Amino acid sequence: MKLPYSTILTDMAGNDIQTAAATEAAPAKFLTFKDALITAFSVQHPEDERMTPADRYALGKLGFAIGKEVDLPVDDVARVKDRVGKLLTGPLVFVVWNLIEDAAKGEVTA
């Protein structure tokens, strides 16, 4: 499934979420779908302690696939949703899950 990696995420008021202010040397930076997923795969969840080495490897492999913006099989997308649901805040989970659902319907492009 093709995910909308470059989509800029919005807050509850509908504003783009800014991660760095503009300076004379660089433009402002905004939180993308890809950034949110990478955060979810880079942070440790308490359940990770009980993972087998093979499960940790699979989690890392999926995280690196996200970093490379590859199309994911549906079962990996389900794992992404689960990970996001465990590690991001409620409003971000809402936005990310909606984007995934819209991508599944073909309503959002990367």
PDB file of N, CA and C in Angstrom:
ATOM      1  N   MET A   1       0.848  -1.174   0.000  1.00  0.00           N
ATOM      2  CA  MET A   1       0.000   0.000   0.000  1.00  0.00           C
ATOM      3  C   MET A   1       0.892   1.234   0.000  1.00  0.00           C
ATOM      4  N   LYS A   2       0.547   2.184  -0.797  1.00  0.00           N
ATOM      5  CA  LYS A   2       1.306   3.420  -0.863  1.00  0.00           C
ATOM      6  C   LYS A   2       0.780   4.380   0.206  1.00  0.00           C
ATOM      7  N   LEU A   3       1.668   4.822   1.066  1.00  0.00           N
ATOM      8  CA  LEU A   3       1.291   5.720   2.154  1.00  0.00           C
ATOM      9  C   LEU A   3       1.673   7.164   1.806  1.00  0.00           C
ATOM     10  N   PRO A   4       0.963   8.123   2.402  1.00  0.00           N
ATOM     11  CA  PRO A   4       1.206   9.545   2.095  1.00  0.00           C
ATOM     12  C   PRO A   4       2.357  10.130   2.925  1.00  0.00           C
ATOM     13  N   TYR A   5       3.558   9.621   2.679  1.00  0.00           N
ATOM     14  CA  TYR A   5       4.718   9.978   3.507  1.00  0.00           C
ATOM     15  C   TYR A   5       4.981  11.480   3.606  1.00  0.00           C
ATOM     16  N   SER A   6       4.775  12.217   2.539  1.00  0.00           N
ATOM     17  CA  SER A   6       5.141  13.636   2.545  1.00  0.00           C
ATOM     18  C   SER A   6       4.028  14.558   3.045  1.00  0.00           C
ATOM     19  N   THR A   7       2.872  14.015   3.376  1.00  0.00           N
ATOM     20  CA  THR A   7       1.758  14.832   3.849  1.00  0.00           C
ATOM     21  C   THR A   7       2.120  15.510   5.167  1.00  0.00           C
ATOM     22  N   ILE A   8       1.885  16.810   5.235  1.00  0.00           N
ATOM     23  CA  ILE A   8       2.126  17.567   6.467  1.00  0.00           C
ATOM     24  C   ILE A   8       0.929  17.378   7.384  1.00  0.00           C
ATOM     25  N   LEU A   9       1.197  17.030   8.628  1.00  0.00           N
ATOM     26  CA  LEU A   9       0.142  16.786   9.600  1.00  0.00           C
ATOM     27  C   LEU A   9      -0.372  18.095  10.185  1.00  0.00           C
ATOM     28  N   THR A  10      -1.643  18.069  10.567  1.00  0.00           N
ATOM     29  CA  THR A  10      -2.272  19.262  11.136  1.00  0.00           C
ATOM     30  C   THR A  10      -2.690  19.003  12.577  1.00  0.00           C
ATOM     31  N   ASP A  11      -2.810  20.097  13.329  1.00  0.00           N
ATOM     32  CA  ASP A  11      -3.266  19.983  14.714  1.00  0.00           C
ATOM     33  C   ASP A  11      -4.797  19.979  14.743  1.00  0.00           C
ATOM     34  N   MET A  12      -5.371  19.984  15.933  1.00  0.00           N
ATOM     35  CA  MET A  12      -6.822  19.902  16.074  1.00  0.00           C
ATOM     36  C   MET A  12      -7.542  21.123  15.521  1.00  0.00           C
ATOM     37  N   ALA A  13      -6.840  22.239  15.383  1.00  0.00           N
ATOM     38  CA  ALA A  13      -7.432  23.452  14.807  1.00  0.00           C
ATOM     39  C   ALA A  13      -7.272  23.498  13.291  1.00  0.00           C
ATOM     40  N   GLY A  14      -6.606  22.484  12.741  1.00  0.00           N
ATOM     41  CA  GLY A  14      -6.419  22.441  11.294  1.00  0.00           C
ATOM     42  C   GLY A  14      -5.166  23.143  10.797  1.00  0.00           C
ATOM     43  N   ASN A  15      -4.304  23.554  11.722  1.00  0.00           N
ATOM     44  CA  ASN A  15      -3.063  24.231  11.347  1.00  0.00           C
ATOM     45  C   ASN A  15      -1.940  23.218  11.138  1.00  0.00           C
ATOM     46  N   ASP A  16      -1.073  23.480  10.171  1.00  0.00           N
ATOM     47  CA  ASP A  16       0.098  22.629   9.970  1.00  0.00           C
ATOM     48  C   ASP A  16       0.938  22.626  11.243  1.00  0.00           C
ATOM     49  N   ILE A  17       1.425  21.454  11.635  1.00  0.00           N
ATOM     50  CA  ILE A  17       2.233  21.345  12.849  1.00  0.00           C
ATOM     51  C   ILE A  17       3.673  21.691  12.507  1.00  0.00           C
ATOM     52  N   GLN A  18       4.144  22.784  13.084  1.00  0.00           N
ATOM     53  CA  GLN A  18       5.494  23.267  12.818  1.00  0.00           C
ATOM     54  C   GLN A  18       6.468  22.644  13.803  1.00  0.00           C
ATOM     55  N   THR A  19       7.610  22.164  13.284  1.00  0.00           N
ATOM     56  CA  THR A  19       8.621  21.568  14.152  1.00  0.00           C
ATOM     57  C   THR A  19       9.839  22.465  14.320  1.00  0.00           C
ATOM     58  N   ALA A  20      10.021  23.405  13.409  1.00  0.00           N
ATOM     59  CA  ALA A  20      11.129  24.357  13.512  1.00  0.00           C
ATOM     60  C   ALA A  20      10.720  25.649  12.815  1.00  0.00           C
ATOM     61  N   ALA A  21      10.980  26.747  13.484  1.00  0.00           N
ATOM     62  CA  ALA A  21      10.638  28.052  12.923  1.00  0.00           C
ATOM     63  C   ALA A  21      11.589  28.418  11.789  1.00  0.00           C
ATOM     64  N   ALA A  22      11.110  29.242  10.917  1.00  0.00           N
ATOM     65  CA  ALA A  22      11.945  29.722   9.811  1.00  0.00           C
ATOM     66  C   ALA A  22      13.048  30.626  10.354  1.00  0.00           C
ATOM     67  N   THR A  23      14.202  30.550   9.729  1.00  0.00           N
ATOM     68  CA  THR A  23      15.312  31.447  10.041  1.00  0.00           C
ATOM     69  C   THR A  23      15.779  32.063   8.736  1.00  0.00           C
ATOM     70  N   GLU A  24      16.761  32.936   8.840  1.00  0.00           N
ATOM     71  CA  GLU A  24      17.305  33.516   7.619  1.00  0.00           C
ATOM     72  C   GLU A  24      17.977  32.453   6.761  1.00  0.00           C
ATOM     73  N   ALA A  25      18.487  31.417   7.402  1.00  0.00           N
ATOM     74  CA  ALA A  25      19.220  30.378   6.686  1.00  0.00           C
ATOM     75  C   ALA A  25      18.347  29.222   6.198  1.00  0.00           C
ATOM     76  N   ALA A  26      17.175  29.036   6.830  1.00  0.00           N
ATOM     77  CA  ALA A  26      16.356  27.877   6.473  1.00  0.00           C
ATOM     78  C   ALA A  26      14.871  28.188   6.627  1.00  0.00           C
ATOM     79  N   PRO A  27      14.061  27.583   5.783  1.00  0.00           N
ATOM     80  CA  PRO A  27      12.613  27.766   5.919  1.00  0.00           C
ATOM     81  C   PRO A  27      12.076  26.991   7.124  1.00  0.00           C
ATOM     82  N   ALA A  28      10.849  27.272   7.494  1.00  0.00           N
ATOM     83  CA  ALA A  28      10.204  26.543   8.581  1.00  0.00           C
ATOM     84  C   ALA A  28      10.084  25.070   8.200  1.00  0.00           C
ATOM     85  N   LYS A  29      10.075  24.221   9.212  1.00  0.00           N
ATOM     86  CA  LYS A  29       9.888  22.785   8.985  1.00  0.00           C
ATOM     87  C   LYS A  29       8.574  22.373   9.634  1.00  0.00           C
ATOM     88  N   PHE A  30       7.926  21.405   9.001  1.00  0.00           N
ATOM     89  CA  PHE A  30       6.628  20.946   9.474  1.00  0.00           C
ATOM     90  C   PHE A  30       6.637  19.432   9.648  1.00  0.00           C
ATOM     91  N   LEU A  31       5.798  18.937  10.551  1.00  0.00           N
ATOM     92  CA  LEU A  31       5.717  17.512  10.849  1.00  0.00           C
ATOM     93  C   LEU A  31       5.004  16.787   9.716  1.00  0.00           C
ATOM     94  N   THR A  32       5.688  15.816   9.137  1.00  0.00           N
ATOM     95  CA  THR A  32       5.079  15.024   8.069  1.00  0.00           C
ATOM     96  C   THR A  32       4.607  13.677   8.612  1.00  0.00           C
ATOM     97  N   PHE A  33       3.797  13.025   7.818  1.00  0.00           N
ATOM     98  CA  PHE A  33       3.343  11.678   8.118  1.00  0.00           C
ATOM     99  C   PHE A  33       4.540  10.770   8.371  1.00  0.00           C
ATOM    100  N   LYS A  34       5.539  10.860   7.503  1.00  0.00           N
ATOM    101  CA  LYS A  34       6.749  10.048   7.646  1.00  0.00           C
ATOM    102  C   LYS A  34       7.449  10.338   8.973  1.00  0.00           C
ATOM    103  N   ASP A  35       7.572  11.613   9.343  1.00  0.00           N
ATOM    104  CA  ASP A  35       8.200  11.982  10.613  1.00  0.00           C
ATOM    105  C   ASP A  35       7.480  11.331  11.796  1.00  0.00           C
ATOM    106  N   ALA A  36       6.154  11.356  11.765  1.00  0.00           N
ATOM    107  CA  ALA A  36       5.371  10.776  12.861  1.00  0.00           C
ATOM    108  C   ALA A  36       5.609   9.270  12.952  1.00  0.00           C
ATOM    109  N   LEU A  37       5.645   8.601  11.796  1.00  0.00           N
ATOM    110  CA  LEU A  37       5.881   7.155  11.813  1.00  0.00           C
ATOM    111  C   LEU A  37       7.278   6.826  12.308  1.00  0.00           C
ATOM    112  N   ILE A  38       8.259   7.588  11.857  1.00  0.00           N
ATOM    113  CA  ILE A  38       9.632   7.346  12.304  1.00  0.00           C
ATOM    114  C   ILE A  38       9.731   7.540  13.819  1.00  0.00           C
ATOM    115  N   THR A  39       9.059   8.539  14.347  1.00  0.00           N
ATOM    116  CA  THR A  39       9.045   8.747  15.795  1.00  0.00           C
ATOM    117  C   THR A  39       8.453   7.532  16.501  1.00  0.00           C
ATOM    118  N   ALA A  40       7.340   7.027  15.999  1.00  0.00           N
ATOM    119  CA  ALA A  40       6.691   5.870  16.621  1.00  0.00           C
ATOM    120  C   ALA A  40       7.586   4.633  16.596  1.00  0.00           C
ATOM    121  N   PHE A  41       8.420   4.517  15.566  1.00  0.00           N
ATOM    122  CA  PHE A  41       9.291   3.344  15.462  1.00  0.00           C
ATOM    123  C   PHE A  41      10.652   3.569  16.131  1.00  0.00           C
ATOM    124  N   SER A  42      10.935   4.794  16.536  1.00  0.00           N
ATOM    125  CA  SER A  42      12.223   5.101  17.165  1.00  0.00           C
ATOM    126  C   SER A  42      12.149   5.121  18.681  1.00  0.00           C
ATOM    127  N   VAL A  43      10.950   5.206  19.217  1.00  0.00           N
ATOM    128  CA  VAL A  43      10.747   5.292  20.657  1.00  0.00           C
ATOM    129  C   VAL A  43      10.436   3.900  21.194  1.00  0.00           C
ATOM    130  N   GLN A  44      10.941   3.611  22.373  1.00  0.00           N
ATOM    131  CA  GLN A  44      10.679   2.306  22.978  1.00  0.00           C
ATOM    132  C   GLN A  44       9.372   2.330  23.750  1.00  0.00           C
ATOM    133  N   HIS A  45       8.581   1.306  23.555  1.00  0.00           N
ATOM    134  CA  HIS A  45       7.334   1.102  24.291  1.00  0.00           C
ATOM    135  C   HIS A  45       7.611   0.039  25.362  1.00  0.00           C
ATOM    136  N   PRO A  46       6.969   0.114  26.515  1.00  0.00           N
ATOM    137  CA  PRO A  46       7.210  -0.893  27.555  1.00  0.00           C
ATOM    138  C   PRO A  46       7.059  -2.336  27.076  1.00  0.00           C
ATOM    139  N   GLU A  47       6.145  -2.582  26.153  1.00  0.00           N
ATOM    140  CA  GLU A  47       5.958  -3.945  25.636  1.00  0.00           C
ATOM    141  C   GLU A  47       7.181  -4.433  24.847  1.00  0.00           C
ATOM    142  N   ASP A  48       8.008  -3.509  24.369  1.00  0.00           N
ATOM    143  CA  ASP A  48       9.186  -3.891  23.580  1.00  0.00           C
ATOM    144  C   ASP A  48      10.161  -4.745  24.379  1.00  0.00           C
ATOM    145  N   GLU A  49      10.152  -4.587  25.699  1.00  0.00           N
ATOM    146  CA  GLU A  49      11.055  -5.344  26.559  1.00  0.00           C
ATOM    147  C   GLU A  49      10.819  -6.847  26.443  1.00  0.00           C
ATOM    148  N   ARG A  50       9.575  -7.228  26.140  1.00  0.00           N
ATOM    149  CA  ARG A  50       9.217  -8.643  26.062  1.00  0.00           C
ATOM    150  C   ARG A  50       9.340  -9.214  24.645  1.00  0.00           C
ATOM    151  N   MET A  51       9.773  -8.391  23.705  1.00  0.00           N
ATOM    152  CA  MET A  51       9.892  -8.852  22.320  1.00  0.00           C
ATOM    153  C   MET A  51      11.055  -9.822  22.165  1.00  0.00           C
ATOM    154  N   THR A  52      10.880 -10.783  21.284  1.00  0.00           N
ATOM    155  CA  THR A  52      11.982 -11.681  20.946  1.00  0.00           C
ATOM    156  C   THR A  52      12.953 -10.920  20.046  1.00  0.00           C
ATOM    157  N   PRO A  53      14.177 -11.389  19.933  1.00  0.00           N
ATOM    158  CA  PRO A  53      15.108 -10.752  19.005  1.00  0.00           C
ATOM    159  C   PRO A  53      14.557 -10.705  17.576  1.00  0.00           C
ATOM    160  N   ALA A  54      13.866 -11.753  17.150  1.00  0.00           N
ATOM    161  CA  ALA A  54      13.293 -11.775  15.797  1.00  0.00           C
ATOM    162  C   ALA A  54      12.213 -10.706  15.638  1.00  0.00           C
ATOM    163  N   ASP A  55      11.408 -10.507  16.687  1.00  0.00           N
ATOM    164  CA  ASP A  55      10.375  -9.469  16.638  1.00  0.00           C
ATOM    165  C   ASP A  55      11.001  -8.075  16.611  1.00  0.00           C
ATOM    166  N   ARG A  56      12.073  -7.888  17.378  1.00  0.00           N
ATOM    167  CA  ARG A  56      12.781  -6.592  17.365  1.00  0.00           C
ATOM    168  C   ARG A  56      13.352  -6.312  15.976  1.00  0.00           C
ATOM    169  N   TYR A  57      13.903  -7.353  15.369  1.00  0.00           N
ATOM    170  CA  TYR A  57      14.443  -7.211  14.013  1.00  0.00           C
ATOM    171  C   TYR A  57      13.331  -6.822  13.036  1.00  0.00           C
ATOM    172  N   ALA A  58      12.208  -7.497  13.125  1.00  0.00           N
ATOM    173  CA  ALA A  58      11.085  -7.210  12.231  1.00  0.00           C
ATOM    174  C   ALA A  58      10.583  -5.782  12.421  1.00  0.00           C
ATOM    175  N   LEU A  59      10.544  -5.328  13.663  1.00  0.00           N
ATOM    176  CA  LEU A  59      10.134  -3.960  13.945  1.00  0.00           C
ATOM    177  C   LEU A  59      11.125  -2.964  13.335  1.00  0.00           C
ATOM    178  N   GLY A  60      12.405  -3.226  13.509  1.00  0.00           N
ATOM    179  CA  GLY A  60      13.429  -2.359  12.918  1.00  0.00           C
ATOM    180  C   GLY A  60      13.374  -2.365  11.404  1.00  0.00           C
ATOM    181  N   LYS A  61      13.154  -3.532  10.831  1.00  0.00           N
ATOM    182  CA  LYS A  61      13.057  -3.648   9.372  1.00  0.00           C
ATOM    183  C   LYS A  61      11.888  -2.818   8.844  1.00  0.00           C
ATOM    184  N   LEU A  62      10.760  -2.866   9.533  1.00  0.00           N
ATOM    185  CA  LEU A  62       9.602  -2.069   9.131  1.00  0.00           C
ATOM    186  C   LEU A  62       9.890  -0.578   9.286  1.00  0.00           C
ATOM    187  N   GLY A  63      10.558  -0.207  10.359  1.00  0.00           N
ATOM    188  CA  GLY A  63      10.928   1.197  10.550  1.00  0.00           C
ATOM    189  C   GLY A  63      11.826   1.706   9.435  1.00  0.00           C
ATOM    190  N   PHE A  64      12.799   0.900   9.022  1.00  0.00           N
ATOM    191  CA  PHE A  64      13.684   1.309   7.935  1.00  0.00           C
ATOM    192  C   PHE A  64      12.948   1.362   6.602  1.00  0.00           C
ATOM    193  N   ALA A  65      11.971   0.492   6.403  1.00  0.00           N
ATOM    194  CA  ALA A  65      11.157   0.539   5.181  1.00  0.00           C
ATOM    195  C   ALA A  65      10.372   1.843   5.128  1.00  0.00           C
ATOM    196  N   ILE A  66       9.868   2.274   6.270  1.00  0.00           N
ATOM    197  CA  ILE A  66       9.160   3.551   6.342  1.00  0.00           C
ATOM    198  C   ILE A  66      10.118   4.682   5.995  1.00  0.00           C
ATOM    199  N   GLY A  67      11.333   4.616   6.538  1.00  0.00           N
ATOM    200  CA  GLY A  67      12.333   5.640   6.245  1.00  0.00           C
ATOM    201  C   GLY A  67      12.647   5.751   4.766  1.00  0.00           C
ATOM    202  N   LYS A  68      12.542   4.627   4.064  1.00  0.00           N
ATOM    203  CA  LYS A  68      12.811   4.615   2.621  1.00  0.00           C
ATOM    204  C   LYS A  68      11.542   4.850   1.800  1.00  0.00           C
ATOM    205  N   GLU A  69      10.418   5.047   2.480  1.00  0.00           N
ATOM    206  CA  GLU A  69       9.134   5.349   1.852  1.00  0.00           C
ATOM    207  C   GLU A  69       8.667   4.282   0.874  1.00  0.00           C
ATOM    208  N   VAL A  70       8.849   3.025   1.249  1.00  0.00           N
ATOM    209  CA  VAL A  70       8.413   1.932   0.375  1.00  0.00           C
ATOM    210  C   VAL A  70       6.911   1.688   0.538  1.00  0.00           C
ATOM    211  N   ASP A  71       6.314   1.079  -0.475  1.00  0.00           N
ATOM    212  CA  ASP A  71       4.934   0.630  -0.368  1.00  0.00           C
ATOM    213  C   ASP A  71       4.916  -0.556   0.583  1.00  0.00           C
ATOM    214  N   LEU A  72       3.921  -0.618   1.441  1.00  0.00           N
ATOM    215  CA  LEU A  72       3.862  -1.666   2.461  1.00  0.00           C
ATOM    216  C   LEU A  72       2.695  -2.611   2.217  1.00  0.00           C
ATOM    217  N   PRO A  73       2.900  -3.895   2.510  1.00  0.00           N
ATOM    218  CA  PRO A  73       1.775  -4.822   2.453  1.00  0.00           C
ATOM    219  C   PRO A  73       0.766  -4.481   3.554  1.00  0.00           C
ATOM    220  N   VAL A  74      -0.458  -4.894   3.371  1.00  0.00           N
ATOM    221  CA  VAL A  74      -1.534  -4.557   4.296  1.00  0.00           C
ATOM    222  C   VAL A  74      -1.223  -4.995   5.727  1.00  0.00           C
ATOM    223  N   ASP A  75      -0.612  -6.158   5.913  1.00  0.00           N
ATOM    224  CA  ASP A  75      -0.316  -6.602   7.281  1.00  0.00           C
ATOM    225  C   ASP A  75       0.718  -5.701   7.949  1.00  0.00           C
ATOM    226  N   ASP A  76       1.659  -5.149   7.184  1.00  0.00           N
ATOM    227  CA  ASP A  76       2.619  -4.192   7.751  1.00  0.00           C
ATOM    228  C   ASP A  76       1.936  -2.868   8.086  1.00  0.00           C
ATOM    229  N   VAL A  77       0.967  -2.474   7.270  1.00  0.00           N
ATOM    230  CA  VAL A  77       0.219  -1.241   7.563  1.00  0.00           C
ATOM    231  C   VAL A  77      -0.538  -1.408   8.876  1.00  0.00           C
ATOM    232  N   ALA A  78      -1.073  -2.587   9.119  1.00  0.00           N
ATOM    233  CA  ALA A  78      -1.754  -2.853  10.396  1.00  0.00           C
ATOM    234  C   ALA A  78      -0.764  -2.733  11.557  1.00  0.00           C
ATOM    235  N   ARG A  79       0.456  -3.205  11.364  1.00  0.00           N
ATOM    236  CA  ARG A  79       1.489  -3.084  12.410  1.00  0.00           C
ATOM    237  C   ARG A  79       1.850  -1.616  12.632  1.00  0.00           C
ATOM    238  N   VAL A  80       1.877  -0.834  11.560  1.00  0.00           N
ATOM    239  CA  VAL A  80       2.148   0.600  11.676  1.00  0.00           C
ATOM    240  C   VAL A  80       1.054   1.258  12.511  1.00  0.00           C
ATOM    241  N   LYS A  81      -0.192   0.962  12.201  1.00  0.00           N
ATOM    242  CA  LYS A  81      -1.302   1.543  12.960  1.00  0.00           C
ATOM    243  C   LYS A  81      -1.217   1.165  14.436  1.00  0.00           C
ATOM    244  N   ASP A  82      -0.884  -0.084  14.714  1.00  0.00           N
ATOM    245  CA  ASP A  82      -0.762  -0.524  16.096  1.00  0.00           C
ATOM    246  C   ASP A  82       0.342   0.245  16.815  1.00  0.00           C
ATOM    247  N   ARG A  83       1.480   0.375  16.169  1.00  0.00           N
ATOM    248  CA  ARG A  83       2.618   1.074  16.775  1.00  0.00           C
ATOM    249  C   ARG A  83       2.294   2.541  17.019  1.00  0.00           C
ATOM    250  N   VAL A  84       1.708   3.187  16.029  1.00  0.00           N
ATOM    251  CA  VAL A  84       1.318   4.592  16.151  1.00  0.00           C
ATOM    252  C   VAL A  84       0.321   4.756  17.303  1.00  0.00           C
ATOM    253  N   GLY A  85      -0.639   3.841  17.373  1.00  0.00           N
ATOM    254  CA  GLY A  85      -1.649   3.905  18.428  1.00  0.00           C
ATOM    255  C   GLY A  85      -1.080   3.774  19.822  1.00  0.00           C
ATOM    256  N   LYS A  86       0.019   3.061  19.953  1.00  0.00           N
ATOM    257  CA  LYS A  86       0.647   2.869  21.262  1.00  0.00           C
ATOM    258  C   LYS A  86       1.566   4.018  21.660  1.00  0.00           C
ATOM    259  N   LEU A  87       2.144   4.716  20.680  1.00  0.00           N
ATOM    260  CA  LEU A  87       3.223   5.639  21.028  1.00  0.00           C
ATOM    261  C   LEU A  87       2.986   7.116  20.727  1.00  0.00           C
ATOM    262  N   LEU A  88       2.004   7.440  19.929  1.00  0.00           N
ATOM    263  CA  LEU A  88       1.757   8.855  19.643  1.00  0.00           C
ATOM    264  C   LEU A  88       0.571   9.347  20.455  1.00  0.00           C
ATOM    265  N   THR A  89       0.420  10.647  20.536  1.00  0.00           N
ATOM    266  CA  THR A  89      -0.703  11.226  21.272  1.00  0.00           C
ATOM    267  C   THR A  89      -2.004  11.024  20.503  1.00  0.00           C
ATOM    268  N   GLY A  90      -3.104  11.099  21.216  1.00  0.00           N
ATOM    269  CA  GLY A  90      -4.419  10.872  20.616  1.00  0.00           C
ATOM    270  C   GLY A  90      -4.680  11.666  19.344  1.00  0.00           C
ATOM    271  N   PRO A  91      -4.450  12.985  19.352  1.00  0.00           N
ATOM    272  CA  PRO A  91      -4.707  13.747  18.126  1.00  0.00           C
ATOM    273  C   PRO A  91      -3.846  13.292  16.945  1.00  0.00           C
ATOM    274  N   LEU A  92      -2.588  12.929  17.198  1.00  0.00           N
ATOM    275  CA  LEU A  92      -1.735  12.449  16.107  1.00  0.00           C
ATOM    276  C   LEU A  92      -2.183  11.075  15.625  1.00  0.00           C
ATOM    277  N   VAL A  93      -2.618  10.225  16.543  1.00  0.00           N
ATOM    278  CA  VAL A  93      -3.134   8.915  16.141  1.00  0.00           C
ATOM    279  C   VAL A  93      -4.337   9.123  15.217  1.00  0.00           C
ATOM    280  N   PHE A  94      -5.219  10.019  15.587  1.00  0.00           N
ATOM    281  CA  PHE A  94      -6.401  10.308  14.775  1.00  0.00           C
ATOM    282  C   PHE A  94      -6.008  10.736  13.361  1.00  0.00           C
ATOM    283  N   VAL A  95      -5.094  11.683  13.256  1.00  0.00           N
ATOM    284  CA  VAL A  95      -4.685  12.200  11.948  1.00  0.00           C
ATOM    285  C   VAL A  95      -3.985  11.119  11.128  1.00  0.00           C
ATOM    286  N   VAL A  96      -3.046  10.404  11.745  1.00  0.00           N
ATOM    287  CA  VAL A  96      -2.284   9.374  11.022  1.00  0.00           C
ATOM    288  C   VAL A  96      -3.205   8.241  10.578  1.00  0.00           C
ATOM    289  N   TRP A  97      -4.057   7.765  11.474  1.00  0.00           N
ATOM    290  CA  TRP A  97      -4.961   6.665  11.100  1.00  0.00           C
ATOM    291  C   TRP A  97      -5.898   7.090   9.975  1.00  0.00           C
ATOM    292  N   ASN A  98      -6.414   8.320  10.036  1.00  0.00           N
ATOM    293  CA  ASN A  98      -7.292   8.795   8.961  1.00  0.00           C
ATOM    294  C   ASN A  98      -6.555   8.843   7.630  1.00  0.00           C
ATOM    295  N   LEU A  99      -5.311   9.279   7.648  1.00  0.00           N
ATOM    296  CA  LEU A  99      -4.530   9.306   6.408  1.00  0.00           C
ATOM    297  C   LEU A  99      -4.302   7.901   5.866  1.00  0.00           C
ATOM    298  N   ILE A 100      -4.058   6.950   6.755  1.00  0.00           N
ATOM    299  CA  ILE A 100      -3.880   5.558   6.320  1.00  0.00           C
ATOM    300  C   ILE A 100      -5.176   5.038   5.704  1.00  0.00           C
ATOM    301  N   GLU A 101      -6.305   5.290   6.368  1.00  0.00           N
ATOM    302  CA  GLU A 101      -7.591   4.834   5.842  1.00  0.00           C
ATOM    303  C   GLU A 101      -7.902   5.490   4.499  1.00  0.00           C
ATOM    304  N   ASP A 102      -7.611   6.785   4.376  1.00  0.00           N
ATOM    305  CA  ASP A 102      -7.830   7.477   3.105  1.00  0.00           C
ATOM    306  C   ASP A 102      -6.920   6.927   2.000  1.00  0.00           C
ATOM    307  N   ALA A 103      -5.685   6.589   2.371  1.00  0.00           N
ATOM    308  CA  ALA A 103      -4.750   6.008   1.386  1.00  0.00           C
ATOM    309  C   ALA A 103      -5.263   4.652   0.930  1.00  0.00           C
ATOM    310  N   ALA A 104      -5.841   3.875   1.852  1.00  0.00           N
ATOM    311  CA  ALA A 104      -6.368   2.559   1.489  1.00  0.00           C
ATOM    312  C   ALA A 104      -7.518   2.686   0.493  1.00  0.00           C
ATOM    313  N   LYS A 105      -8.270   3.775   0.605  1.00  0.00           N
ATOM    314  CA  LYS A 105      -9.396   4.021  -0.316  1.00  0.00           C
ATOM    315  C   LYS A 105      -8.931   4.697  -1.604  1.00  0.00           C
ATOM    316  N   GLY A 106      -7.645   5.062  -1.660  1.00  0.00           N
ATOM    317  CA  GLY A 106      -7.133   5.770  -2.825  1.00  0.00           C
ATOM    318  C   GLY A 106      -7.451   7.246  -2.819  1.00  0.00           C
ATOM    319  N   GLU A 107      -7.823   7.770  -1.653  1.00  0.00           N
ATOM    320  CA  GLU A 107      -8.223   9.186  -1.536  1.00  0.00           C
ATOM    321  C   GLU A 107      -7.054  10.117  -1.228  1.00  0.00           C
ATOM    322  N   VAL A 108      -5.915   9.572  -0.845  1.00  0.00           N
ATOM    323  CA  VAL A 108      -4.727  10.370  -0.533  1.00  0.00           C
ATOM    324  C   VAL A 108      -3.568   9.765  -1.300  1.00  0.00           C
ATOM    325  N   THR A 109      -2.749  10.622  -1.889  1.00  0.00           N
ATOM    326  CA  THR A 109      -1.565  10.130  -2.575  1.00  0.00           C
ATOM    327  C   THR A 109      -0.327  10.631  -1.846  1.00  0.00           C
ATOM    328  N   ALA A 110       0.745   9.898  -2.005  1.00  0.00           N
ATOM    329  CA  ALA A 110       2.000  10.242  -1.322  1.00  0.00           C
ATOM    330  C   ALA A 110       2.632  11.465  -1.917  1.00  0.00           C
TER     331      ALA A 110
END
